[in-house]
Amino acid sequence: MYKIDEIFDIKKHDIISITGAGGKTSLMASLALSLSKKGRVLVTTSTKIALPKEGFDRLFTSFDAYFDDKDAKIICLGEKVPDKDKLASIGYKNLSKIVGDFDYVLIEADGCRNMPLKFRYPHEPVIYDFTTRVIGILPIKIMGKVTKDDFIYNYQGFSKNIGTGIIDSKIINKLIAYDKGFYKGFEKEKYFFFNQVESKSDFYRIEEFKKEFNFADIKLRYGSLKEGKFYEN
């Protein structure tokens, strides 16, 4: 087993965008906590995220309010969405001005409306060009389920472009390979993380998935954010 920041080979001054479904916010929080032991961390979004209640030392709900608080190890920053418990992006230009204030930057770059699987709309994900690593995430628990609109965000797009039926390695690999999906327009370090790998059947599914995972430019990782256990392929 490895520490969470180790499985993604994270280095100082990395800017990491997280895409996918089924654990993006939890992954970002776990990474922030681990990386804060090595340096200062910014947690933000290029789309929208739920307004965090914990997991940070300082929260700024607007770019205008932000200042470089040297005493804070984890800073969460976004623009408060009026009348909603959400934070929106501070924008590319604003973020590019302050990334140098931090040792690590974590960006939630995708939305899924709390569903475990999704197909992107044209405006998603939003991966800024100064990103150094992208981590795509899905929960292993979707394997073996039959595709339905009650747990797939943008089901119409999913069924048209990826397919329907039992969710197996073939469907997941097709989703990973989709050029406007997890890694849209990104050509640097890419990772795919299967979350919620906890039971014997989950590990069996991982072993079967490994046999069909054939992406030379994407590193496969898996584990459980809940249990704090992480593995490399």
Protein backbone atom coordinates (compact mmCIF):
# COMPACT_ATOMS: atom_id res chain seq x y z
CA MET A 1 0.00 0.00 0.00
CA TYR A 2 1.00 3.61 -0.56
CA LYS A 3 0.12 7.06 0.71
CA ILE A 4 -2.41 8.86 -1.42
CA ASP A 5 0.00 11.48 -2.77
CA GLU A 6 2.55 8.74 -3.59
CA ILE A 7 0.30 6.82 -5.99
CA PHE A 8 -0.08 9.93 -8.15
CA ASP A 9 3.67 10.76 -8.05
CA ILE A 10 2.87 14.28 -6.87
CA LYS A 11 5.76 16.70 -6.73
CA LYS A 12 6.15 20.18 -5.30
CA HIS A 13 4.46 22.88 -7.41
CA ASP A 14 2.17 20.38 -9.14
CA ILE A 15 -1.22 21.71 -10.24
CA ILE A 16 -3.67 18.82 -10.24
CA SER A 17 -7.10 18.78 -11.88
CA ILE A 18 -9.58 16.10 -10.78
CA THR A 19 -12.30 14.85 -13.14
CA GLY A 20 -14.91 12.11 -13.10
CA ALA A 21 -17.50 11.04 -10.53
CA GLY A 22 -17.89 9.07 -7.34
CA GLY A 23 -15.36 10.72 -5.07
CA LYS A 24 -13.81 13.85 -6.62
CA THR A 25 -14.38 16.03 -3.56
CA SER A 26 -13.27 13.28 -1.17
CA LEU A 27 -10.16 12.68 -3.26
CA MET A 28 -9.34 16.37 -3.24
CA ALA A 29 -9.82 16.58 0.53
CA SER A 30 -7.65 13.52 1.17
CA LEU A 31 -4.91 14.82 -1.09
CA ALA A 32 -5.04 18.25 0.54
CA LEU A 33 -4.63 16.77 4.02
CA SER A 34 -1.71 14.57 2.96
CA LEU A 35 0.06 17.27 0.96
CA SER A 36 -0.36 19.85 3.73
CA LYS A 37 2.27 17.93 5.67
CA LYS A 38 4.75 18.86 2.94
CA GLY A 39 3.67 22.39 2.05
CA ARG A 40 0.82 24.83 1.53
CA VAL A 41 -2.18 23.68 -0.48
CA LEU A 42 -4.86 25.53 -2.46
CA VAL A 43 -8.22 23.79 -2.97
CA THR A 44 -10.43 25.32 -5.66
CA THR A 45 -12.58 24.58 -8.70
CA SER A 46 -12.71 25.42 -12.39
CA THR A 47 -16.47 24.70 -12.45
CA LYS A 48 -18.57 24.49 -9.26
CA ILE A 49 -18.29 22.57 -6.00
CA ALA A 50 -20.38 22.25 -2.86
CA LEU A 51 -19.40 24.84 -0.27
CA PRO A 52 -16.98 22.95 2.00
CA LYS A 53 -17.74 22.84 5.72
CA GLU A 54 -14.37 21.49 6.84
CA GLY A 55 -10.99 20.28 5.63
CA PHE A 56 -9.31 23.67 5.33
CA ASP A 57 -7.61 26.25 7.52
CA ARG A 58 -9.05 29.24 5.73
CA LEU A 59 -11.98 29.72 3.34
CA PHE A 60 -12.27 32.63 0.91
CA THR A 61 -15.64 32.97 -0.82
CA SER A 62 -14.45 35.54 -3.36
CA PHE A 63 -11.23 36.33 -5.16
CA ASP A 64 -11.43 39.93 -3.98
CA ALA A 65 -11.32 38.73 -0.37
CA TYR A 66 -8.27 36.52 -0.93
CA PHE A 67 -4.89 37.29 0.56
CA ASP A 68 -1.83 35.10 1.00
CA ASP A 69 -2.30 33.89 4.57
CA LYS A 70 1.08 32.33 5.34
CA ASP A 71 -0.25 30.68 8.51
CA ALA A 72 -2.86 28.63 6.66
CA LYS A 73 -1.70 25.23 5.36
CA ILE A 74 -4.88 24.51 3.37
CA ILE A 75 -6.79 27.35 1.74
CA CYS A 76 -10.12 26.85 -0.03
CA LEU A 77 -11.03 29.52 -2.57
CA GLY A 78 -13.95 30.15 -4.87
CA GLU A 79 -16.73 32.59 -5.70
CA LYS A 80 -19.84 32.05 -3.56
CA VAL A 81 -22.86 31.29 -5.72
CA PRO A 82 -25.75 33.54 -4.60
CA ASP A 83 -28.50 31.72 -2.66
CA LYS A 84 -26.71 28.37 -2.98
CA ASP A 85 -24.21 26.45 -0.86
CA LYS A 86 -21.79 26.30 -3.76
CA LEU A 87 -18.50 27.80 -4.84
CA ALA A 88 -17.83 28.67 -8.47
CA SER A 89 -14.51 29.18 -10.23
CA ILE A 90 -12.56 32.38 -9.62
CA GLY A 91 -11.59 32.20 -13.30
CA TYR A 92 -8.49 31.28 -15.24
CA LYS A 93 -6.80 34.68 -15.05
CA ASN A 94 -7.34 35.11 -11.32
CA LEU A 95 -6.14 31.62 -10.51
CA SER A 96 -3.05 31.98 -12.69
CA LYS A 97 -2.08 35.04 -10.64
CA ILE A 98 -1.95 33.18 -7.32
CA VAL A 99 -0.86 29.59 -8.01
CA GLY A 100 2.67 30.66 -7.13
CA ASP A 101 1.54 31.32 -3.55
CA PHE A 102 1.19 27.58 -2.98
CA ASP A 103 3.29 24.43 -3.04
CA TYR A 104 0.37 22.38 -4.40
CA VAL A 105 -2.88 23.32 -6.16
CA LEU A 106 -5.91 21.01 -6.36
CA ILE A 107 -8.69 21.85 -8.81
CA GLU A 108 -12.03 20.06 -9.02
CA ALA A 109 -12.58 20.33 -12.76
CA ASP A 110 -15.81 18.41 -13.32
CA GLY A 111 -19.40 18.28 -12.08
CA CYS A 112 -21.62 15.23 -11.64
CA ARG A 113 -24.54 16.27 -9.41
CA ASN A 114 -23.52 13.61 -6.88
CA MET A 115 -24.08 10.78 -9.36
CA PRO A 116 -21.52 7.93 -9.58
CA LEU A 117 -21.18 8.02 -13.37
CA LYS A 118 -21.42 10.70 -16.03
CA PHE A 119 -20.99 11.71 -19.64
CA ARG A 120 -19.64 15.17 -20.26
CA TYR A 121 -21.50 18.06 -21.78
CA PRO A 122 -19.44 20.14 -24.25
CA HIS A 123 -18.33 22.63 -21.57
CA GLU A 124 -16.88 19.91 -19.32
CA PRO A 125 -14.38 19.21 -17.92
CA VAL A 126 -12.55 22.54 -17.52
CA ILE A 127 -8.83 21.71 -17.44
CA TYR A 128 -6.63 24.79 -17.32
CA ASP A 129 -3.48 24.72 -19.45
CA PHE A 130 -1.21 25.23 -16.44
CA THR A 131 -2.39 21.90 -14.99
CA THR A 132 0.49 19.42 -14.58
CA ARG A 133 -1.52 16.28 -13.73
CA VAL A 134 -5.09 15.10 -14.28
CA ILE A 135 -6.67 12.42 -12.13
CA GLY A 136 -9.83 10.80 -13.47
CA ILE A 137 -11.91 8.99 -10.85
CA LEU A 138 -14.82 6.52 -10.81
CA PRO A 139 -16.22 4.18 -8.12
CA ILE A 140 -15.66 0.44 -8.67
CA LYS A 141 -19.22 -0.16 -7.42
CA ILE A 142 -20.63 0.84 -10.82
CA MET A 143 -19.15 -2.30 -12.38
CA GLY A 144 -21.82 -4.91 -13.03
CA LYS A 145 -24.70 -2.45 -12.88
CA VAL A 146 -27.09 -1.95 -15.78
CA THR A 147 -26.96 1.55 -17.28
CA LYS A 148 -29.89 3.68 -16.08
CA ASP A 149 -30.68 7.38 -16.03
CA ASP A 150 -31.10 7.47 -12.23
CA PHE A 151 -27.35 7.14 -11.56
CA ILE A 152 -25.72 8.42 -14.78
CA TYR A 153 -25.40 12.18 -15.21
CA ASN A 154 -26.25 13.06 -18.85
CA TYR A 155 -27.59 9.58 -19.54
CA GLN A 156 -28.67 10.55 -23.04
CA GLY A 157 -25.11 11.48 -24.00
CA PHE A 158 -23.75 8.38 -22.30
CA SER A 159 -26.09 5.96 -24.07
CA LYS A 160 -25.50 7.61 -27.46
CA ASN A 161 -21.71 7.78 -27.31
CA ILE A 162 -20.66 5.01 -24.91
CA GLY A 163 -23.50 2.49 -24.99
CA THR A 164 -26.00 0.74 -22.73
CA GLY A 165 -26.24 -2.55 -20.89
CA ILE A 166 -24.10 -3.99 -18.13
CA ILE A 167 -21.22 -1.71 -17.13
CA ASP A 168 -18.08 -3.75 -17.71
CA SER A 169 -14.42 -3.15 -18.54
CA LYS A 170 -15.28 -2.51 -22.17
CA ILE A 171 -17.65 0.35 -21.32
CA ILE A 172 -15.25 1.87 -18.77
CA ASN A 173 -12.36 1.73 -21.24
CA LYS A 174 -14.52 3.35 -23.90
CA LEU A 175 -15.37 6.11 -21.44
CA ILE A 176 -11.69 6.61 -20.60
CA ALA A 177 -10.75 6.69 -24.28
CA TYR A 178 -13.40 9.28 -25.19
CA ASP A 179 -11.37 12.28 -26.35
CA LYS A 180 -13.70 14.84 -24.75
CA GLY A 181 -13.93 13.02 -21.45
CA PHE A 182 -11.69 12.72 -18.40
CA TYR A 183 -8.60 14.21 -20.07
CA LYS A 184 -10.06 16.53 -22.71
CA GLY A 185 -7.22 18.34 -24.49
CA PHE A 186 -4.67 17.31 -21.85
CA GLU A 187 -1.36 15.73 -22.86
CA LYS A 188 0.74 15.71 -19.67
CA GLU A 189 0.62 13.29 -16.72
CA LYS A 190 -2.64 11.31 -16.64
CA TYR A 191 -4.00 8.95 -13.99
CA PHE A 192 -7.16 6.89 -13.63
CA PHE A 193 -8.26 6.05 -10.08
CA PHE A 194 -10.87 3.43 -9.17
CA ASN A 195 -12.35 4.37 -5.78
CA GLN A 196 -14.27 2.23 -3.26
CA VAL A 197 -12.11 -0.87 -3.81
CA GLU A 198 -12.77 -2.61 -0.50
CA SER A 199 -14.25 -6.11 -0.80
CA LYS A 200 -12.90 -9.32 -2.34
CA SER A 201 -15.25 -8.88 -5.29
CA ASP A 202 -13.94 -5.32 -5.79
CA PHE A 203 -10.35 -6.59 -5.96
CA TYR A 204 -11.44 -9.34 -8.34
CA ARG A 205 -13.01 -6.72 -10.63
CA ILE A 206 -9.79 -4.72 -10.51
CA GLU A 207 -7.73 -7.74 -11.56
CA GLU A 208 -10.10 -8.38 -14.45
CA PHE A 209 -10.06 -4.70 -15.41
CA LYS A 210 -6.25 -4.66 -15.47
CA LYS A 211 -6.28 -7.28 -18.23
CA GLU A 212 -8.16 -4.92 -20.55
CA PHE A 213 -6.67 -1.59 -19.45
CA ASN A 214 -4.43 -0.67 -22.35
CA PHE A 215 -3.54 3.02 -22.19
CA ALA A 216 0.18 3.65 -22.46
CA ASP A 217 -0.21 7.30 -21.42
CA ILE A 218 -2.51 6.74 -18.42
CA LYS A 219 -1.41 5.25 -15.09
CA LEU A 220 -3.96 3.03 -13.34
CA ARG A 221 -4.38 3.41 -9.58
CA TYR A 222 -7.02 2.11 -7.16
CA GLY A 223 -8.02 1.96 -3.53
CA SER A 224 -10.48 3.26 -0.96
CA LEU A 225 -10.68 6.87 0.13
CA LYS A 226 -12.93 5.78 2.99
CA GLU A 227 -10.41 3.23 4.31
CA GLY A 228 -7.32 5.23 3.37
CA LYS A 229 -5.81 2.33 1.40
CA PHE A 230 -4.18 2.92 -1.97
CA TYR A 231 -2.49 0.75 -4.57
CA GLU A 232 -0.53 1.07 -7.79
CA ASN A 233 -1.13 -1.11 -10.83
